[in-house]
PDBML (XML) file of the C-alpha atoms, coordinates in Angstrom:
<?xml version="1.0" encoding="UTF-8" ?>
<PDBx:datablock datablockName="MODEL"
   xmlns:PDBx="http://pdbml.pdb.org/schema/pdbx-v50.xsd"
   xmlns:xsi="http://www.w3.org/2001/XMLSchema-instance"
   xsi:schemaLocation="http://pdbml.pdb.org/schema/pdbx-v50.xsd pdbx-v50.xsd">
   <PDBx:atom_siteCategory>
      <PDBx:atom_site id="1">
         <PDBx:B_iso_or_equiv>0.00</PDBx:B_iso_or_equiv>
         <PDBx:Cartn_x>-0.106</PDBx:Cartn_x>
         <PDBx:Cartn_y>-0.233</PDBx:Cartn_y>
         <PDBx:Cartn_z>-0.032</PDBx:Cartn_z>
         <PDBx:auth_asym_id>A</PDBx:auth_asym_id>
         <PDBx:auth_atom_id>CA</PDBx:auth_atom_id>
         <PDBx:auth_comp_id>ALA</PDBx:auth_comp_id>
         <PDBx:auth_seq_id>1</PDBx:auth_seq_id>
         <PDBx:group_PDB>ATOM</PDBx:group_PDB>
         <PDBx:label_alt_id xsi:nil="true" />
         <PDBx:label_asym_id>A</PDBx:label_asym_id>
         <PDBx:label_atom_id>CA</PDBx:label_atom_id>
         <PDBx:label_comp_id>ALA</PDBx:label_comp_id>
         <PDBx:label_entity_id>1</PDBx:label_entity_id>
         <PDBx:label_seq_id>1</PDBx:label_seq_id>
         <PDBx:occupancy>1.00</PDBx:occupancy>
         <PDBx:pdbx_PDB_model_num>1</PDBx:pdbx_PDB_model_num>
         <PDBx:type_symbol>C</PDBx:type_symbol>
      </PDBx:atom_site>
      <PDBx:atom_site id="2">
         <PDBx:B_iso_or_equiv>0.00</PDBx:B_iso_or_equiv>
         <PDBx:Cartn_x>-0.886</PDBx:Cartn_x>
         <PDBx:Cartn_y>2.698</PDBx:Cartn_y>
         <PDBx:Cartn_z>-1.413</PDBx:Cartn_z>
         <PDBx:auth_asym_id>A</PDBx:auth_asym_id>
         <PDBx:auth_atom_id>CA</PDBx:auth_atom_id>
         <PDBx:auth_comp_id>PRO</PDBx:auth_comp_id>
         <PDBx:auth_seq_id>2</PDBx:auth_seq_id>
         <PDBx:group_PDB>ATOM</PDBx:group_PDB>
         <PDBx:label_alt_id xsi:nil="true" />
         <PDBx:label_asym_id>A</PDBx:label_asym_id>
         <PDBx:label_atom_id>CA</PDBx:label_atom_id>
         <PDBx:label_comp_id>PRO</PDBx:label_comp_id>
         <PDBx:label_entity_id>1</PDBx:label_entity_id>
         <PDBx:label_seq_id>2</PDBx:label_seq_id>
         <PDBx:occupancy>1.00</PDBx:occupancy>
         <PDBx:pdbx_PDB_model_num>1</PDBx:pdbx_PDB_model_num>
         <PDBx:type_symbol>C</PDBx:type_symbol>
      </PDBx:atom_site>
      <PDBx:atom_site id="3">
         <PDBx:B_iso_or_equiv>0.00</PDBx:B_iso_or_equiv>
         <PDBx:Cartn_x>0.205</PDBx:Cartn_x>
         <PDBx:Cartn_y>1.054</PDBx:Cartn_y>
         <PDBx:Cartn_z>-4.854</PDBx:Cartn_z>
         <PDBx:auth_asym_id>A</PDBx:auth_asym_id>
         <PDBx:auth_atom_id>CA</PDBx:auth_atom_id>
         <PDBx:auth_comp_id>LYS</PDBx:auth_comp_id>
         <PDBx:auth_seq_id>3</PDBx:auth_seq_id>
         <PDBx:group_PDB>ATOM</PDBx:group_PDB>
         <PDBx:label_alt_id xsi:nil="true" />
         <PDBx:label_asym_id>A</PDBx:label_asym_id>
         <PDBx:label_atom_id>CA</PDBx:label_atom_id>
         <PDBx:label_comp_id>LYS</PDBx:label_comp_id>
         <PDBx:label_entity_id>1</PDBx:label_entity_id>
         <PDBx:label_seq_id>3</PDBx:label_seq_id>
         <PDBx:occupancy>1.00</PDBx:occupancy>
         <PDBx:pdbx_PDB_model_num>1</PDBx:pdbx_PDB_model_num>
         <PDBx:type_symbol>C</PDBx:type_symbol>
      </PDBx:atom_site>
      <PDBx:atom_site id="4">
         <PDBx:B_iso_or_equiv>0.00</PDBx:B_iso_or_equiv>
         <PDBx:Cartn_x>-2.799</PDBx:Cartn_x>
         <PDBx:Cartn_y>-0.421</PDBx:Cartn_y>
         <PDBx:Cartn_z>-6.792</PDBx:Cartn_z>
         <PDBx:auth_asym_id>A</PDBx:auth_asym_id>
         <PDBx:auth_atom_id>CA</PDBx:auth_atom_id>
         <PDBx:auth_comp_id>PRO</PDBx:auth_comp_id>
         <PDBx:auth_seq_id>4</PDBx:auth_seq_id>
         <PDBx:group_PDB>ATOM</PDBx:group_PDB>
         <PDBx:label_alt_id xsi:nil="true" />
         <PDBx:label_asym_id>A</PDBx:label_asym_id>
         <PDBx:label_atom_id>CA</PDBx:label_atom_id>
         <PDBx:label_comp_id>PRO</PDBx:label_comp_id>
         <PDBx:label_entity_id>1</PDBx:label_entity_id>
         <PDBx:label_seq_id>4</PDBx:label_seq_id>
         <PDBx:occupancy>1.00</PDBx:occupancy>
         <PDBx:pdbx_PDB_model_num>1</PDBx:pdbx_PDB_model_num>
         <PDBx:type_symbol>C</PDBx:type_symbol>
      </PDBx:atom_site>
      <PDBx:atom_site id="5">
         <PDBx:B_iso_or_equiv>0.00</PDBx:B_iso_or_equiv>
         <PDBx:Cartn_x>-2.993</PDBx:Cartn_x>
         <PDBx:Cartn_y>-3.953</PDBx:Cartn_y>
         <PDBx:Cartn_z>-6.560</PDBx:Cartn_z>
         <PDBx:auth_asym_id>A</PDBx:auth_asym_id>
         <PDBx:auth_atom_id>CA</PDBx:auth_atom_id>
         <PDBx:auth_comp_id>GLN</PDBx:auth_comp_id>
         <PDBx:auth_seq_id>5</PDBx:auth_seq_id>
         <PDBx:group_PDB>ATOM</PDBx:group_PDB>
         <PDBx:label_alt_id xsi:nil="true" />
         <PDBx:label_asym_id>A</PDBx:label_asym_id>
         <PDBx:label_atom_id>CA</PDBx:label_atom_id>
         <PDBx:label_comp_id>GLN</PDBx:label_comp_id>
         <PDBx:label_entity_id>1</PDBx:label_entity_id>
         <PDBx:label_seq_id>5</PDBx:label_seq_id>
         <PDBx:occupancy>1.00</PDBx:occupancy>
         <PDBx:pdbx_PDB_model_num>1</PDBx:pdbx_PDB_model_num>
         <PDBx:type_symbol>C</PDBx:type_symbol>
      </PDBx:atom_site>
      <PDBx:atom_site id="6">
         <PDBx:B_iso_or_equiv>0.00</PDBx:B_iso_or_equiv>
         <PDBx:Cartn_x>-6.115</PDBx:Cartn_x>
         <PDBx:Cartn_y>-6.674</PDBx:Cartn_y>
         <PDBx:Cartn_z>-6.481</PDBx:Cartn_z>
         <PDBx:auth_asym_id>A</PDBx:auth_asym_id>
         <PDBx:auth_atom_id>CA</PDBx:auth_atom_id>
         <PDBx:auth_comp_id>GLY</PDBx:auth_comp_id>
         <PDBx:auth_seq_id>6</PDBx:auth_seq_id>
         <PDBx:group_PDB>ATOM</PDBx:group_PDB>
         <PDBx:label_alt_id xsi:nil="true" />
         <PDBx:label_asym_id>A</PDBx:label_asym_id>
         <PDBx:label_atom_id>CA</PDBx:label_atom_id>
         <PDBx:label_comp_id>GLY</PDBx:label_comp_id>
         <PDBx:label_entity_id>1</PDBx:label_entity_id>
         <PDBx:label_seq_id>6</PDBx:label_seq_id>
         <PDBx:occupancy>1.00</PDBx:occupancy>
         <PDBx:pdbx_PDB_model_num>1</PDBx:pdbx_PDB_model_num>
         <PDBx:type_symbol>C</PDBx:type_symbol>
      </PDBx:atom_site>
      <PDBx:atom_site id="7">
         <PDBx:B_iso_or_equiv>0.00</PDBx:B_iso_or_equiv>
         <PDBx:Cartn_x>-6.437</PDBx:Cartn_x>
         <PDBx:Cartn_y>-10.110</PDBx:Cartn_y>
         <PDBx:Cartn_z>-5.395</PDBx:Cartn_z>
         <PDBx:auth_asym_id>A</PDBx:auth_asym_id>
         <PDBx:auth_atom_id>CA</PDBx:auth_atom_id>
         <PDBx:auth_comp_id>MET</PDBx:auth_comp_id>
         <PDBx:auth_seq_id>7</PDBx:auth_seq_id>
         <PDBx:group_PDB>ATOM</PDBx:group_PDB>
         <PDBx:label_alt_id xsi:nil="true" />
         <PDBx:label_asym_id>A</PDBx:label_asym_id>
         <PDBx:label_atom_id>CA</PDBx:label_atom_id>
         <PDBx:label_comp_id>MET</PDBx:label_comp_id>
         <PDBx:label_entity_id>1</PDBx:label_entity_id>
         <PDBx:label_seq_id>7</PDBx:label_seq_id>
         <PDBx:occupancy>1.00</PDBx:occupancy>
         <PDBx:pdbx_PDB_model_num>1</PDBx:pdbx_PDB_model_num>
         <PDBx:type_symbol>C</PDBx:type_symbol>
      </PDBx:atom_site>
      <PDBx:atom_site id="8">
         <PDBx:B_iso_or_equiv>0.00</PDBx:B_iso_or_equiv>
         <PDBx:Cartn_x>-8.823</PDBx:Cartn_x>
         <PDBx:Cartn_y>-13.050</PDBx:Cartn_y>
         <PDBx:Cartn_z>-5.617</PDBx:Cartn_z>
         <PDBx:auth_asym_id>A</PDBx:auth_asym_id>
         <PDBx:auth_atom_id>CA</PDBx:auth_atom_id>
         <PDBx:auth_comp_id>THR</PDBx:auth_comp_id>
         <PDBx:auth_seq_id>8</PDBx:auth_seq_id>
         <PDBx:group_PDB>ATOM</PDBx:group_PDB>
         <PDBx:label_alt_id xsi:nil="true" />
         <PDBx:label_asym_id>A</PDBx:label_asym_id>
         <PDBx:label_atom_id>CA</PDBx:label_atom_id>
         <PDBx:label_comp_id>THR</PDBx:label_comp_id>
         <PDBx:label_entity_id>1</PDBx:label_entity_id>
         <PDBx:label_seq_id>8</PDBx:label_seq_id>
         <PDBx:occupancy>1.00</PDBx:occupancy>
         <PDBx:pdbx_PDB_model_num>1</PDBx:pdbx_PDB_model_num>
         <PDBx:type_symbol>C</PDBx:type_symbol>
      </PDBx:atom_site>
      <PDBx:atom_site id="9">
         <PDBx:B_iso_or_equiv>0.00</PDBx:B_iso_or_equiv>
         <PDBx:Cartn_x>-10.728</PDBx:Cartn_x>
         <PDBx:Cartn_y>-15.373</PDBx:Cartn_y>
         <PDBx:Cartn_z>-3.142</PDBx:Cartn_z>
         <PDBx:auth_asym_id>A</PDBx:auth_asym_id>
         <PDBx:auth_atom_id>CA</PDBx:auth_atom_id>
         <PDBx:auth_comp_id>THR</PDBx:auth_comp_id>
         <PDBx:auth_seq_id>9</PDBx:auth_seq_id>
         <PDBx:group_PDB>ATOM</PDBx:group_PDB>
         <PDBx:label_alt_id xsi:nil="true" />
         <PDBx:label_asym_id>A</PDBx:label_asym_id>
         <PDBx:label_atom_id>CA</PDBx:label_atom_id>
         <PDBx:label_comp_id>THR</PDBx:label_comp_id>
         <PDBx:label_entity_id>1</PDBx:label_entity_id>
         <PDBx:label_seq_id>9</PDBx:label_seq_id>
         <PDBx:occupancy>1.00</PDBx:occupancy>
         <PDBx:pdbx_PDB_model_num>1</PDBx:pdbx_PDB_model_num>
         <PDBx:type_symbol>C</PDBx:type_symbol>
      </PDBx:atom_site>
      <PDBx:atom_site id="10">
         <PDBx:B_iso_or_equiv>0.00</PDBx:B_iso_or_equiv>
         <PDBx:Cartn_x>-11.905</PDBx:Cartn_x>
         <PDBx:Cartn_y>-19.076</PDBx:Cartn_y>
         <PDBx:Cartn_z>-4.051</PDBx:Cartn_z>
         <PDBx:auth_asym_id>A</PDBx:auth_asym_id>
         <PDBx:auth_atom_id>CA</PDBx:auth_atom_id>
         <PDBx:auth_comp_id>ALA</PDBx:auth_comp_id>
         <PDBx:auth_seq_id>10</PDBx:auth_seq_id>
         <PDBx:group_PDB>ATOM</PDBx:group_PDB>
         <PDBx:label_alt_id xsi:nil="true" />
         <PDBx:label_asym_id>A</PDBx:label_asym_id>
         <PDBx:label_atom_id>CA</PDBx:label_atom_id>
         <PDBx:label_comp_id>ALA</PDBx:label_comp_id>
         <PDBx:label_entity_id>1</PDBx:label_entity_id>
         <PDBx:label_seq_id>10</PDBx:label_seq_id>
         <PDBx:occupancy>1.00</PDBx:occupancy>
         <PDBx:pdbx_PDB_model_num>1</PDBx:pdbx_PDB_model_num>
         <PDBx:type_symbol>C</PDBx:type_symbol>
      </PDBx:atom_site>
      <PDBx:atom_site id="11">
         <PDBx:B_iso_or_equiv>0.00</PDBx:B_iso_or_equiv>
         <PDBx:Cartn_x>-13.527</PDBx:Cartn_x>
         <PDBx:Cartn_y>-22.295</PDBx:Cartn_y>
         <PDBx:Cartn_z>-2.189</PDBx:Cartn_z>
         <PDBx:auth_asym_id>A</PDBx:auth_asym_id>
         <PDBx:auth_atom_id>CA</PDBx:auth_atom_id>
         <PDBx:auth_comp_id>ALA</PDBx:auth_comp_id>
         <PDBx:auth_seq_id>11</PDBx:auth_seq_id>
         <PDBx:group_PDB>ATOM</PDBx:group_PDB>
         <PDBx:label_alt_id xsi:nil="true" />
         <PDBx:label_asym_id>A</PDBx:label_asym_id>
         <PDBx:label_atom_id>CA</PDBx:label_atom_id>
         <PDBx:label_comp_id>ALA</PDBx:label_comp_id>
         <PDBx:label_entity_id>1</PDBx:label_entity_id>
         <PDBx:label_seq_id>11</PDBx:label_seq_id>
         <PDBx:occupancy>1.00</PDBx:occupancy>
         <PDBx:pdbx_PDB_model_num>1</PDBx:pdbx_PDB_model_num>
         <PDBx:type_symbol>C</PDBx:type_symbol>
      </PDBx:atom_site>
      <PDBx:atom_site id="12">
         <PDBx:B_iso_or_equiv>0.00</PDBx:B_iso_or_equiv>
         <PDBx:Cartn_x>-10.439</PDBx:Cartn_x>
         <PDBx:Cartn_y>-22.241</PDBx:Cartn_y>
         <PDBx:Cartn_z>-0.112</PDBx:Cartn_z>
         <PDBx:auth_asym_id>A</PDBx:auth_asym_id>
         <PDBx:auth_atom_id>CA</PDBx:auth_atom_id>
         <PDBx:auth_comp_id>ASP</PDBx:auth_comp_id>
         <PDBx:auth_seq_id>12</PDBx:auth_seq_id>
         <PDBx:group_PDB>ATOM</PDBx:group_PDB>
         <PDBx:label_alt_id xsi:nil="true" />
         <PDBx:label_asym_id>A</PDBx:label_asym_id>
         <PDBx:label_atom_id>CA</PDBx:label_atom_id>
         <PDBx:label_comp_id>ASP</PDBx:label_comp_id>
         <PDBx:label_entity_id>1</PDBx:label_entity_id>
         <PDBx:label_seq_id>12</PDBx:label_seq_id>
         <PDBx:occupancy>1.00</PDBx:occupancy>
         <PDBx:pdbx_PDB_model_num>1</PDBx:pdbx_PDB_model_num>
         <PDBx:type_symbol>C</PDBx:type_symbol>
      </PDBx:atom_site>
      <PDBx:atom_site id="13">
         <PDBx:B_iso_or_equiv>0.00</PDBx:B_iso_or_equiv>
         <PDBx:Cartn_x>-8.589</PDBx:Cartn_x>
         <PDBx:Cartn_y>-21.014</PDBx:Cartn_y>
         <PDBx:Cartn_z>2.877</PDBx:Cartn_z>
         <PDBx:auth_asym_id>A</PDBx:auth_asym_id>
         <PDBx:auth_atom_id>CA</PDBx:auth_atom_id>
         <PDBx:auth_comp_id>TRP</PDBx:auth_comp_id>
         <PDBx:auth_seq_id>13</PDBx:auth_seq_id>
         <PDBx:group_PDB>ATOM</PDBx:group_PDB>
         <PDBx:label_alt_id xsi:nil="true" />
         <PDBx:label_asym_id>A</PDBx:label_asym_id>
         <PDBx:label_atom_id>CA</PDBx:label_atom_id>
         <PDBx:label_comp_id>TRP</PDBx:label_comp_id>
         <PDBx:label_entity_id>1</PDBx:label_entity_id>
         <PDBx:label_seq_id>13</PDBx:label_seq_id>
         <PDBx:occupancy>1.00</PDBx:occupancy>
         <PDBx:pdbx_PDB_model_num>1</PDBx:pdbx_PDB_model_num>
         <PDBx:type_symbol>C</PDBx:type_symbol>
      </PDBx:atom_site>
      <PDBx:atom_site id="14">
         <PDBx:B_iso_or_equiv>0.00</PDBx:B_iso_or_equiv>
         <PDBx:Cartn_x>-8.919</PDBx:Cartn_x>
         <PDBx:Cartn_y>-17.605</PDBx:Cartn_y>
         <PDBx:Cartn_z>0.640</PDBx:Cartn_z>
         <PDBx:auth_asym_id>A</PDBx:auth_asym_id>
         <PDBx:auth_atom_id>CA</PDBx:auth_atom_id>
         <PDBx:auth_comp_id>THR</PDBx:auth_comp_id>
         <PDBx:auth_seq_id>14</PDBx:auth_seq_id>
         <PDBx:group_PDB>ATOM</PDBx:group_PDB>
         <PDBx:label_alt_id xsi:nil="true" />
         <PDBx:label_asym_id>A</PDBx:label_asym_id>
         <PDBx:label_atom_id>CA</PDBx:label_atom_id>
         <PDBx:label_comp_id>THR</PDBx:label_comp_id>
         <PDBx:label_entity_id>1</PDBx:label_entity_id>
         <PDBx:label_seq_id>14</PDBx:label_seq_id>
         <PDBx:occupancy>1.00</PDBx:occupancy>
         <PDBx:pdbx_PDB_model_num>1</PDBx:pdbx_PDB_model_num>
         <PDBx:type_symbol>C</PDBx:type_symbol>
      </PDBx:atom_site>
      <PDBx:atom_site id="15">
         <PDBx:B_iso_or_equiv>0.00</PDBx:B_iso_or_equiv>
         <PDBx:Cartn_x>-12.961</PDBx:Cartn_x>
         <PDBx:Cartn_y>-17.816</PDBx:Cartn_y>
         <PDBx:Cartn_z>1.131</PDBx:Cartn_z>
         <PDBx:auth_asym_id>A</PDBx:auth_asym_id>
         <PDBx:auth_atom_id>CA</PDBx:auth_atom_id>
         <PDBx:auth_comp_id>ARG</PDBx:auth_comp_id>
         <PDBx:auth_seq_id>15</PDBx:auth_seq_id>
         <PDBx:group_PDB>ATOM</PDBx:group_PDB>
         <PDBx:label_alt_id xsi:nil="true" />
         <PDBx:label_asym_id>A</PDBx:label_asym_id>
         <PDBx:label_atom_id>CA</PDBx:label_atom_id>
         <PDBx:label_comp_id>ARG</PDBx:label_comp_id>
         <PDBx:label_entity_id>1</PDBx:label_entity_id>
         <PDBx:label_seq_id>15</PDBx:label_seq_id>
         <PDBx:occupancy>1.00</PDBx:occupancy>
         <PDBx:pdbx_PDB_model_num>1</PDBx:pdbx_PDB_model_num>
         <PDBx:type_symbol>C</PDBx:type_symbol>
      </PDBx:atom_site>
      <PDBx:atom_site id="16">
         <PDBx:B_iso_or_equiv>0.00</PDBx:B_iso_or_equiv>
         <PDBx:Cartn_x>-13.865</PDBx:Cartn_x>
         <PDBx:Cartn_y>-15.438</PDBx:Cartn_y>
         <PDBx:Cartn_z>4.147</PDBx:Cartn_z>
         <PDBx:auth_asym_id>A</PDBx:auth_asym_id>
         <PDBx:auth_atom_id>CA</PDBx:auth_atom_id>
         <PDBx:auth_comp_id>ALA</PDBx:auth_comp_id>
         <PDBx:auth_seq_id>16</PDBx:auth_seq_id>
         <PDBx:group_PDB>ATOM</PDBx:group_PDB>
         <PDBx:label_alt_id xsi:nil="true" />
         <PDBx:label_asym_id>A</PDBx:label_asym_id>
         <PDBx:label_atom_id>CA</PDBx:label_atom_id>
         <PDBx:label_comp_id>ALA</PDBx:label_comp_id>
         <PDBx:label_entity_id>1</PDBx:label_entity_id>
         <PDBx:label_seq_id>16</PDBx:label_seq_id>
         <PDBx:occupancy>1.00</PDBx:occupancy>
         <PDBx:pdbx_PDB_model_num>1</PDBx:pdbx_PDB_model_num>
         <PDBx:type_symbol>C</PDBx:type_symbol>
      </PDBx:atom_site>
      <PDBx:atom_site id="17">
         <PDBx:B_iso_or_equiv>0.00</PDBx:B_iso_or_equiv>
         <PDBx:Cartn_x>-10.960</PDBx:Cartn_x>
         <PDBx:Cartn_y>-13.004</PDBx:Cartn_y>
         <PDBx:Cartn_z>2.854</PDBx:Cartn_z>
         <PDBx:auth_asym_id>A</PDBx:auth_asym_id>
         <PDBx:auth_atom_id>CA</PDBx:auth_atom_id>
         <PDBx:auth_comp_id>MET</PDBx:auth_comp_id>
         <PDBx:auth_seq_id>17</PDBx:auth_seq_id>
         <PDBx:group_PDB>ATOM</PDBx:group_PDB>
         <PDBx:label_alt_id xsi:nil="true" />
         <PDBx:label_asym_id>A</PDBx:label_asym_id>
         <PDBx:label_atom_id>CA</PDBx:label_atom_id>
         <PDBx:label_comp_id>MET</PDBx:label_comp_id>
         <PDBx:label_entity_id>1</PDBx:label_entity_id>
         <PDBx:label_seq_id>17</PDBx:label_seq_id>
         <PDBx:occupancy>1.00</PDBx:occupancy>
         <PDBx:pdbx_PDB_model_num>1</PDBx:pdbx_PDB_model_num>
         <PDBx:type_symbol>C</PDBx:type_symbol>
      </PDBx:atom_site>
      <PDBx:atom_site id="18">
         <PDBx:B_iso_or_equiv>0.00</PDBx:B_iso_or_equiv>
         <PDBx:Cartn_x>-14.075</PDBx:Cartn_x>
         <PDBx:Cartn_y>-10.315</PDBx:Cartn_y>
         <PDBx:Cartn_z>1.884</PDBx:Cartn_z>
         <PDBx:auth_asym_id>A</PDBx:auth_asym_id>
         <PDBx:auth_atom_id>CA</PDBx:auth_atom_id>
         <PDBx:auth_comp_id>ALA</PDBx:auth_comp_id>
         <PDBx:auth_seq_id>18</PDBx:auth_seq_id>
         <PDBx:group_PDB>ATOM</PDBx:group_PDB>
         <PDBx:label_alt_id xsi:nil="true" />
         <PDBx:label_asym_id>A</PDBx:label_asym_id>
         <PDBx:label_atom_id>CA</PDBx:label_atom_id>
         <PDBx:label_comp_id>ALA</PDBx:label_comp_id>
         <PDBx:label_entity_id>1</PDBx:label_entity_id>
         <PDBx:label_seq_id>18</PDBx:label_seq_id>
         <PDBx:occupancy>1.00</PDBx:occupancy>
         <PDBx:pdbx_PDB_model_num>1</PDBx:pdbx_PDB_model_num>
         <PDBx:type_symbol>C</PDBx:type_symbol>
      </PDBx:atom_site>
      <PDBx:atom_site id="19">
         <PDBx:B_iso_or_equiv>0.00</PDBx:B_iso_or_equiv>
         <PDBx:Cartn_x>-15.060</PDBx:Cartn_x>
         <PDBx:Cartn_y>-10.306</PDBx:Cartn_y>
         <PDBx:Cartn_z>5.786</PDBx:Cartn_z>
         <PDBx:auth_asym_id>A</PDBx:auth_asym_id>
         <PDBx:auth_atom_id>CA</PDBx:auth_atom_id>
         <PDBx:auth_comp_id>THR</PDBx:auth_comp_id>
         <PDBx:auth_seq_id>19</PDBx:auth_seq_id>
         <PDBx:group_PDB>ATOM</PDBx:group_PDB>
         <PDBx:label_alt_id xsi:nil="true" />
         <PDBx:label_asym_id>A</PDBx:label_asym_id>
         <PDBx:label_atom_id>CA</PDBx:label_atom_id>
         <PDBx:label_comp_id>THR</PDBx:label_comp_id>
         <PDBx:label_entity_id>1</PDBx:label_entity_id>
         <PDBx:label_seq_id>19</PDBx:label_seq_id>
         <PDBx:occupancy>1.00</PDBx:occupancy>
         <PDBx:pdbx_PDB_model_num>1</PDBx:pdbx_PDB_model_num>
         <PDBx:type_symbol>C</PDBx:type_symbol>
      </PDBx:atom_site>
      <PDBx:atom_site id="20">
         <PDBx:B_iso_or_equiv>0.00</PDBx:B_iso_or_equiv>
         <PDBx:Cartn_x>-11.902</PDBx:Cartn_x>
         <PDBx:Cartn_y>-10.957</PDBx:Cartn_y>
         <PDBx:Cartn_z>7.477</PDBx:Cartn_z>
         <PDBx:auth_asym_id>A</PDBx:auth_asym_id>
         <PDBx:auth_atom_id>CA</PDBx:auth_atom_id>
         <PDBx:auth_comp_id>LYS</PDBx:auth_comp_id>
         <PDBx:auth_seq_id>20</PDBx:auth_seq_id>
         <PDBx:group_PDB>ATOM</PDBx:group_PDB>
         <PDBx:label_alt_id xsi:nil="true" />
         <PDBx:label_asym_id>A</PDBx:label_asym_id>
         <PDBx:label_atom_id>CA</PDBx:label_atom_id>
         <PDBx:label_comp_id>LYS</PDBx:label_comp_id>
         <PDBx:label_entity_id>1</PDBx:label_entity_id>
         <PDBx:label_seq_id>20</PDBx:label_seq_id>
         <PDBx:occupancy>1.00</PDBx:occupancy>
         <PDBx:pdbx_PDB_model_num>1</PDBx:pdbx_PDB_model_num>
         <PDBx:type_symbol>C</PDBx:type_symbol>
      </PDBx:atom_site>
      <PDBx:atom_site id="21">
         <PDBx:B_iso_or_equiv>0.00</PDBx:B_iso_or_equiv>
         <PDBx:Cartn_x>-8.490</PDBx:Cartn_x>
         <PDBx:Cartn_y>-9.194</PDBx:Cartn_y>
         <PDBx:Cartn_z>6.145</PDBx:Cartn_z>
         <PDBx:auth_asym_id>A</PDBx:auth_asym_id>
         <PDBx:auth_atom_id>CA</PDBx:auth_atom_id>
         <PDBx:auth_comp_id>GLY</PDBx:auth_comp_id>
         <PDBx:auth_seq_id>21</PDBx:auth_seq_id>
         <PDBx:group_PDB>ATOM</PDBx:group_PDB>
         <PDBx:label_alt_id xsi:nil="true" />
         <PDBx:label_asym_id>A</PDBx:label_asym_id>
         <PDBx:label_atom_id>CA</PDBx:label_atom_id>
         <PDBx:label_comp_id>GLY</PDBx:label_comp_id>
         <PDBx:label_entity_id>1</PDBx:label_entity_id>
         <PDBx:label_seq_id>21</PDBx:label_seq_id>
         <PDBx:occupancy>1.00</PDBx:occupancy>
         <PDBx:pdbx_PDB_model_num>1</PDBx:pdbx_PDB_model_num>
         <PDBx:type_symbol>C</PDBx:type_symbol>
      </PDBx:atom_site>
      <PDBx:atom_site id="22">
         <PDBx:B_iso_or_equiv>0.00</PDBx:B_iso_or_equiv>
         <PDBx:Cartn_x>-9.792</PDBx:Cartn_x>
         <PDBx:Cartn_y>-7.123</PDBx:Cartn_y>
         <PDBx:Cartn_z>3.081</PDBx:Cartn_z>
         <PDBx:auth_asym_id>A</PDBx:auth_asym_id>
         <PDBx:auth_atom_id>CA</PDBx:auth_atom_id>
         <PDBx:auth_comp_id>PHE</PDBx:auth_comp_id>
         <PDBx:auth_seq_id>22</PDBx:auth_seq_id>
         <PDBx:group_PDB>ATOM</PDBx:group_PDB>
         <PDBx:label_alt_id xsi:nil="true" />
         <PDBx:label_asym_id>A</PDBx:label_asym_id>
         <PDBx:label_atom_id>CA</PDBx:label_atom_id>
         <PDBx:label_comp_id>PHE</PDBx:label_comp_id>
         <PDBx:label_entity_id>1</PDBx:label_entity_id>
         <PDBx:label_seq_id>22</PDBx:label_seq_id>
         <PDBx:occupancy>1.00</PDBx:occupancy>
         <PDBx:pdbx_PDB_model_num>1</PDBx:pdbx_PDB_model_num>
         <PDBx:type_symbol>C</PDBx:type_symbol>
      </PDBx:atom_site>
      <PDBx:atom_site id="23">
         <PDBx:B_iso_or_equiv>0.00</PDBx:B_iso_or_equiv>
         <PDBx:Cartn_x>-11.943</PDBx:Cartn_x>
         <PDBx:Cartn_y>-4.796</PDBx:Cartn_y>
         <PDBx:Cartn_z>5.024</PDBx:Cartn_z>
         <PDBx:auth_asym_id>A</PDBx:auth_asym_id>
         <PDBx:auth_atom_id>CA</PDBx:auth_atom_id>
         <PDBx:auth_comp_id>PRO</PDBx:auth_comp_id>
         <PDBx:auth_seq_id>23</PDBx:auth_seq_id>
         <PDBx:group_PDB>ATOM</PDBx:group_PDB>
         <PDBx:label_alt_id xsi:nil="true" />
         <PDBx:label_asym_id>A</PDBx:label_asym_id>
         <PDBx:label_atom_id>CA</PDBx:label_atom_id>
         <PDBx:label_comp_id>PRO</PDBx:label_comp_id>
         <PDBx:label_entity_id>1</PDBx:label_entity_id>
         <PDBx:label_seq_id>23</PDBx:label_seq_id>
         <PDBx:occupancy>1.00</PDBx:occupancy>
         <PDBx:pdbx_PDB_model_num>1</PDBx:pdbx_PDB_model_num>
         <PDBx:type_symbol>C</PDBx:type_symbol>
      </PDBx:atom_site>
      <PDBx:atom_site id="24">
         <PDBx:B_iso_or_equiv>0.00</PDBx:B_iso_or_equiv>
         <PDBx:Cartn_x>-8.776</PDBx:Cartn_x>
         <PDBx:Cartn_y>-3.933</PDBx:Cartn_y>
         <PDBx:Cartn_z>7.020</PDBx:Cartn_z>
         <PDBx:auth_asym_id>A</PDBx:auth_asym_id>
         <PDBx:auth_atom_id>CA</PDBx:auth_atom_id>
         <PDBx:auth_comp_id>GLU</PDBx:auth_comp_id>
         <PDBx:auth_seq_id>24</PDBx:auth_seq_id>
         <PDBx:group_PDB>ATOM</PDBx:group_PDB>
         <PDBx:label_alt_id xsi:nil="true" />
         <PDBx:label_asym_id>A</PDBx:label_asym_id>
         <PDBx:label_atom_id>CA</PDBx:label_atom_id>
         <PDBx:label_comp_id>GLU</PDBx:label_comp_id>
         <PDBx:label_entity_id>1</PDBx:label_entity_id>
         <PDBx:label_seq_id>24</PDBx:label_seq_id>
         <PDBx:occupancy>1.00</PDBx:occupancy>
         <PDBx:pdbx_PDB_model_num>1</PDBx:pdbx_PDB_model_num>
         <PDBx:type_symbol>C</PDBx:type_symbol>
      </PDBx:atom_site>
   </PDBx:atom_siteCategory>
</PDBx:datablock>
């Protein structure tokens, strides 16, 4: 940060990223 980046989730260990991790 603050450089531009994106990331993805899947039906794996990243599935909760939208509520745990990404908001922060």
